[in-house]
Amino acid sequence: MQVRATAKYVRMSPRKARMILQGLRGMPVEGALTTLRFTPKPGAKQVAKVVESAAANAESNFNIAPGDLRIAQIYAGDARTLHRFRAAARGRVQPLLKRTCHITVVVTDEAD
């Protein structure tokens, strides 16, 4: 059984989110949460929230024990970019692109 959780419009660029996510695929949920707890990246806390949410969804909706869950898929997709501007020299402006992403976690209780 696959269970999904998504965090939308997370205020982090997708590229930086993917750097955090790349080591978590296939890990047990408990191991992934431990890894994220000791990851020095600022976005690791937001990723941990999504993993916890997917585990809670599996436990409450399908009565699957959290110890049996593994991360089947985890990915970060692009979301809306906020366009802001900053003053530059000689009366010009420079764009600031504040990127956001959607983080999706799919957990499963099946062994690979």
N, C-alpha and C. Protein backbone atom coordinates (compact mmCIF):
# COMPACT_ATOMS: atom_id res chain seq x y z
N MET A 1 0.85 -1.17 0.00
CA MET A 1 0.00 0.00 0.00
C MET A 1 0.89 1.23 0.00
N GLN A 2 0.64 2.12 -0.94
CA GLN A 2 1.41 3.35 -1.02
C GLN A 2 0.59 4.50 -0.47
N VAL A 3 1.22 5.31 0.38
CA VAL A 3 0.57 6.45 1.01
C VAL A 3 1.41 7.68 0.70
N ARG A 4 0.73 8.79 0.42
CA ARG A 4 1.40 9.99 -0.07
C ARG A 4 1.15 11.18 0.85
N ALA A 5 2.13 12.07 0.91
CA ALA A 5 1.98 13.36 1.60
C ALA A 5 2.71 14.41 0.77
N THR A 6 2.13 15.59 0.68
CA THR A 6 2.71 16.66 -0.12
C THR A 6 2.71 17.96 0.67
N ALA A 7 3.82 18.67 0.60
CA ALA A 7 3.90 20.03 1.15
C ALA A 7 4.03 20.96 -0.05
N LYS A 8 3.10 21.88 -0.17
CA LYS A 8 3.10 22.76 -1.33
C LYS A 8 3.64 24.14 -0.99
N TYR A 9 4.28 24.74 -1.96
CA TYR A 9 4.81 26.10 -1.87
C TYR A 9 5.77 26.26 -0.70
N VAL A 10 6.68 25.30 -0.56
CA VAL A 10 7.72 25.38 0.46
C VAL A 10 8.73 26.42 0.00
N ARG A 11 9.08 27.33 0.87
CA ARG A 11 9.92 28.47 0.51
C ARG A 11 11.40 28.07 0.47
N MET A 12 11.72 27.21 -0.52
CA MET A 12 13.06 26.71 -0.72
C MET A 12 13.17 26.36 -2.20
N SER A 13 14.32 26.61 -2.78
CA SER A 13 14.44 26.30 -4.20
C SER A 13 14.43 24.79 -4.40
N PRO A 14 13.87 24.33 -5.52
CA PRO A 14 13.80 22.89 -5.78
C PRO A 14 15.18 22.24 -5.84
N ARG A 15 16.15 22.96 -6.32
CA ARG A 15 17.49 22.41 -6.43
C ARG A 15 18.07 22.10 -5.05
N LYS A 16 17.87 23.02 -4.10
CA LYS A 16 18.38 22.79 -2.75
C LYS A 16 17.59 21.69 -2.05
N ALA A 17 16.30 21.60 -2.34
CA ALA A 17 15.49 20.54 -1.75
C ALA A 17 15.95 19.18 -2.28
N ARG A 18 16.26 19.09 -3.56
CA ARG A 18 16.70 17.82 -4.14
C ARG A 18 18.02 17.35 -3.54
N MET A 19 18.87 18.28 -3.14
CA MET A 19 20.14 17.90 -2.50
C MET A 19 19.87 17.17 -1.19
N ILE A 20 18.84 17.59 -0.46
CA ILE A 20 18.48 16.94 0.80
C ILE A 20 17.81 15.59 0.54
N LEU A 21 16.98 15.53 -0.50
CA LEU A 21 16.16 14.34 -0.75
C LEU A 21 16.92 13.17 -1.35
N GLN A 22 18.03 13.42 -2.02
CA GLN A 22 18.67 12.37 -2.81
C GLN A 22 19.14 11.19 -1.98
N GLY A 23 19.47 11.38 -0.72
CA GLY A 23 19.96 10.26 0.08
C GLY A 23 18.88 9.49 0.82
N LEU A 24 17.62 9.91 0.68
CA LEU A 24 16.55 9.33 1.48
C LEU A 24 15.76 8.24 0.76
N ARG A 25 15.89 8.11 -0.54
CA ARG A 25 15.09 7.14 -1.29
C ARG A 25 15.42 5.72 -0.85
N GLY A 26 14.36 4.96 -0.55
CA GLY A 26 14.53 3.57 -0.17
C GLY A 26 14.81 3.34 1.30
N MET A 27 15.00 4.39 2.06
CA MET A 27 15.30 4.24 3.49
C MET A 27 14.04 3.96 4.29
N PRO A 28 14.17 3.29 5.43
CA PRO A 28 13.02 3.20 6.35
C PRO A 28 12.70 4.59 6.89
N VAL A 29 11.44 4.81 7.24
CA VAL A 29 11.01 6.14 7.69
C VAL A 29 11.77 6.57 8.94
N GLU A 30 11.95 5.66 9.88
CA GLU A 30 12.67 6.01 11.12
C GLU A 30 14.11 6.42 10.81
N GLY A 31 14.77 5.71 9.92
CA GLY A 31 16.14 6.05 9.54
C GLY A 31 16.21 7.38 8.81
N ALA A 32 15.22 7.65 7.96
CA ALA A 32 15.20 8.91 7.24
C ALA A 32 15.01 10.08 8.20
N LEU A 33 14.14 9.92 9.20
CA LEU A 33 13.92 10.99 10.17
C LEU A 33 15.18 11.23 11.01
N THR A 34 15.88 10.17 11.35
CA THR A 34 17.14 10.33 12.09
C THR A 34 18.17 11.05 11.24
N THR A 35 18.26 10.68 9.98
CA THR A 35 19.19 11.34 9.06
C THR A 35 18.86 12.82 8.93
N LEU A 36 17.58 13.13 8.77
CA LEU A 36 17.18 14.53 8.61
C LEU A 36 17.41 15.33 9.89
N ARG A 37 17.27 14.69 11.04
CA ARG A 37 17.48 15.40 12.31
C ARG A 37 18.93 15.89 12.42
N PHE A 38 19.88 15.14 11.85
CA PHE A 38 21.29 15.51 11.97
C PHE A 38 21.85 16.11 10.68
N THR A 39 21.00 16.43 9.73
CA THR A 39 21.45 17.08 8.50
C THR A 39 21.57 18.58 8.75
N PRO A 40 22.71 19.19 8.43
CA PRO A 40 22.91 20.60 8.76
C PRO A 40 22.23 21.58 7.80
N LYS A 41 21.47 21.13 6.86
CA LYS A 41 20.79 22.03 5.93
C LYS A 41 19.53 22.62 6.57
N PRO A 42 19.21 23.88 6.31
CA PRO A 42 18.01 24.48 6.91
C PRO A 42 16.71 23.85 6.43
N GLY A 43 16.67 23.34 5.21
CA GLY A 43 15.44 22.77 4.68
C GLY A 43 15.14 21.37 5.17
N ALA A 44 16.05 20.76 5.91
CA ALA A 44 15.85 19.39 6.39
C ALA A 44 14.67 19.31 7.34
N LYS A 45 14.41 20.37 8.08
CA LYS A 45 13.28 20.38 9.03
C LYS A 45 11.95 20.31 8.27
N GLN A 46 11.85 21.02 7.16
CA GLN A 46 10.62 21.00 6.37
C GLN A 46 10.42 19.66 5.70
N VAL A 47 11.50 19.03 5.23
CA VAL A 47 11.40 17.71 4.63
C VAL A 47 10.98 16.69 5.68
N ALA A 48 11.51 16.81 6.89
CA ALA A 48 11.14 15.90 7.97
C ALA A 48 9.65 15.99 8.29
N LYS A 49 9.09 17.18 8.22
CA LYS A 49 7.66 17.35 8.47
C LYS A 49 6.83 16.58 7.45
N VAL A 50 7.26 16.58 6.20
CA VAL A 50 6.51 15.88 5.16
C VAL A 50 6.63 14.37 5.34
N VAL A 51 7.82 13.89 5.71
CA VAL A 51 8.00 12.46 5.95
C VAL A 51 7.15 12.02 7.13
N GLU A 52 7.13 12.81 8.20
CA GLU A 52 6.29 12.49 9.36
C GLU A 52 4.81 12.49 8.99
N SER A 53 4.41 13.41 8.12
CA SER A 53 3.02 13.49 7.69
C SER A 53 2.63 12.24 6.90
N ALA A 54 3.51 11.78 6.01
CA ALA A 54 3.22 10.57 5.24
C ALA A 54 3.09 9.36 6.16
N ALA A 55 3.96 9.27 7.16
CA ALA A 55 3.88 8.16 8.11
C ALA A 55 2.60 8.24 8.93
N ALA A 56 2.21 9.44 9.32
CA ALA A 56 0.97 9.62 10.09
C ALA A 56 -0.25 9.29 9.23
N ASN A 57 -0.21 9.64 7.96
CA ASN A 57 -1.31 9.30 7.05
C ASN A 57 -1.46 7.78 6.94
N ALA A 58 -0.34 7.08 6.82
CA ALA A 58 -0.38 5.62 6.70
C ALA A 58 -0.92 4.99 7.98
N GLU A 59 -0.52 5.55 9.12
CA GLU A 59 -0.96 4.98 10.40
C GLU A 59 -2.44 5.23 10.67
N SER A 60 -2.90 6.46 10.42
CA SER A 60 -4.28 6.79 10.77
C SER A 60 -5.29 6.33 9.72
N ASN A 61 -4.93 6.35 8.45
CA ASN A 61 -5.89 6.00 7.40
C ASN A 61 -5.90 4.52 7.05
N PHE A 62 -4.75 3.85 7.19
CA PHE A 62 -4.65 2.47 6.73
C PHE A 62 -4.17 1.51 7.81
N ASN A 63 -3.98 1.99 9.04
CA ASN A 63 -3.54 1.17 10.17
C ASN A 63 -2.24 0.41 9.89
N ILE A 64 -1.29 1.08 9.27
CA ILE A 64 0.02 0.51 9.00
C ILE A 64 0.98 1.02 10.08
N ALA A 65 1.71 0.12 10.69
CA ALA A 65 2.66 0.52 11.74
C ALA A 65 3.79 1.35 11.13
N PRO A 66 4.17 2.46 11.77
CA PRO A 66 5.22 3.32 11.21
C PRO A 66 6.57 2.61 11.09
N GLY A 67 6.81 1.58 11.90
CA GLY A 67 8.08 0.86 11.81
C GLY A 67 8.22 0.02 10.56
N ASP A 68 7.10 -0.26 9.87
CA ASP A 68 7.13 -1.09 8.67
C ASP A 68 7.29 -0.28 7.38
N LEU A 69 7.31 1.03 7.48
CA LEU A 69 7.27 1.89 6.29
C LEU A 69 8.66 2.19 5.75
N ARG A 70 8.73 2.23 4.42
CA ARG A 70 9.93 2.66 3.71
C ARG A 70 9.54 3.77 2.75
N ILE A 71 10.50 4.61 2.40
CA ILE A 71 10.24 5.69 1.45
C ILE A 71 10.38 5.11 0.05
N ALA A 72 9.27 5.05 -0.67
CA ALA A 72 9.27 4.51 -2.04
C ALA A 72 9.71 5.59 -3.02
N GLN A 73 9.13 6.78 -2.90
CA GLN A 73 9.48 7.91 -3.77
C GLN A 73 9.55 9.16 -2.92
N ILE A 74 10.46 10.04 -3.27
CA ILE A 74 10.53 11.35 -2.63
C ILE A 74 11.12 12.30 -3.67
N TYR A 75 10.41 13.37 -3.94
CA TYR A 75 10.87 14.30 -4.96
C TYR A 75 10.37 15.70 -4.69
N ALA A 76 11.04 16.67 -5.32
CA ALA A 76 10.69 18.08 -5.19
C ALA A 76 10.46 18.63 -6.59
N GLY A 77 9.27 19.16 -6.80
CA GLY A 77 8.93 19.76 -8.09
C GLY A 77 8.88 21.28 -7.98
N ASP A 78 8.96 21.91 -9.12
CA ASP A 78 8.91 23.38 -9.15
C ASP A 78 7.53 23.88 -8.77
N ALA A 79 7.50 25.03 -8.13
CA ALA A 79 6.26 25.71 -7.81
C ALA A 79 6.41 27.16 -8.29
N ARG A 80 5.48 27.97 -7.91
CA ARG A 80 5.48 29.37 -8.34
C ARG A 80 6.73 30.09 -7.83
N THR A 81 7.27 30.97 -8.66
CA THR A 81 8.41 31.80 -8.30
C THR A 81 7.93 33.22 -8.03
N LEU A 82 8.32 33.75 -6.88
CA LEU A 82 7.98 35.13 -6.55
C LEU A 82 9.03 36.04 -7.18
N HIS A 83 8.57 37.02 -7.94
CA HIS A 83 9.48 37.95 -8.61
C HIS A 83 9.53 39.24 -7.81
N ARG A 84 10.70 39.54 -7.28
CA ARG A 84 10.93 40.78 -6.54
C ARG A 84 12.08 41.51 -7.21
N PHE A 85 12.24 42.79 -6.88
CA PHE A 85 13.28 43.58 -7.51
C PHE A 85 14.07 44.34 -6.46
N ARG A 86 15.34 44.56 -6.76
CA ARG A 86 16.24 45.26 -5.85
C ARG A 86 16.92 46.38 -6.62
N ALA A 87 17.14 47.48 -5.96
CA ALA A 87 17.80 48.61 -6.60
C ALA A 87 19.25 48.27 -6.90
N ALA A 88 19.70 48.69 -8.07
CA ALA A 88 21.08 48.46 -8.48
C ALA A 88 21.72 49.81 -8.81
N ALA A 89 22.95 49.79 -9.19
CA ALA A 89 23.68 51.01 -9.49
C ALA A 89 23.10 51.72 -10.71
N ARG A 90 23.25 53.01 -10.75
CA ARG A 90 22.89 53.87 -11.89
C ARG A 90 21.39 53.80 -12.18
N GLY A 91 20.59 53.67 -11.16
CA GLY A 91 19.14 53.75 -11.32
C GLY A 91 18.49 52.53 -11.92
N ARG A 92 19.19 51.44 -11.98
CA ARG A 92 18.62 50.23 -12.56
C ARG A 92 18.07 49.31 -11.46
N VAL A 93 17.42 48.25 -11.90
CA VAL A 93 16.92 47.25 -10.95
C VAL A 93 17.49 45.89 -11.31
N GLN A 94 17.58 45.03 -10.29
CA GLN A 94 18.00 43.66 -10.51
C GLN A 94 16.93 42.74 -9.98
N PRO A 95 16.54 41.74 -10.75
CA PRO A 95 15.48 40.84 -10.28
C PRO A 95 15.98 39.91 -9.18
N LEU A 96 15.10 39.65 -8.22
CA LEU A 96 15.32 38.63 -7.20
C LEU A 96 14.26 37.57 -7.42
N LEU A 97 14.67 36.35 -7.66
CA LEU A 97 13.73 35.27 -7.88
C LEU A 97 13.66 34.44 -6.61
N LYS A 98 12.53 34.48 -5.93
CA LYS A 98 12.34 33.72 -4.71
C LYS A 98 11.58 32.44 -5.07
N ARG A 99 12.33 31.36 -5.20
CA ARG A 99 11.77 30.12 -5.71
C ARG A 99 11.08 29.32 -4.61
N THR A 100 10.07 28.54 -5.01
CA THR A 100 9.36 27.66 -4.10
C THR A 100 9.26 26.28 -4.75
N CYS A 101 8.91 25.28 -3.94
CA CYS A 101 8.81 23.92 -4.47
C CYS A 101 7.71 23.15 -3.76
N HIS A 102 7.26 22.08 -4.41
CA HIS A 102 6.33 21.13 -3.83
C HIS A 102 7.14 19.88 -3.49
N ILE A 103 7.11 19.47 -2.22
CA ILE A 103 7.83 18.26 -1.79
C ILE A 103 6.81 17.15 -1.61
N THR A 104 7.02 16.03 -2.30
CA THR A 104 6.11 14.89 -2.24
C THR A 104 6.86 13.67 -1.72
N VAL A 105 6.25 12.98 -0.77
CA VAL A 105 6.82 11.76 -0.19
C VAL A 105 5.79 10.65 -0.35
N VAL A 106 6.22 9.51 -0.89
CA VAL A 106 5.37 8.33 -1.01
C VAL A 106 6.03 7.22 -0.19
N VAL A 107 5.29 6.72 0.80
CA VAL A 107 5.81 5.63 1.64
C VAL A 107 5.02 4.36 1.34
N THR A 108 5.68 3.23 1.54
CA THR A 108 5.04 1.94 1.29
C THR A 108 5.44 0.96 2.39
N ASP A 109 4.58 -0.03 2.61
CA ASP A 109 4.90 -1.06 3.60
C ASP A 109 5.40 -2.34 2.95
N GLU A 110 5.54 -2.33 1.63
CA GLU A 110 5.99 -3.52 0.91
C GLU A 110 7.52 -3.54 0.85
N ALA A 111 8.11 -4.72 1.00
CA ALA A 111 9.55 -4.88 0.88
C ALA A 111 9.92 -4.93 -0.60
N ASP A 112 11.06 -4.34 -0.93
CA ASP A 112 11.50 -4.33 -2.34
C ASP A 112 12.06 -5.66 -2.74
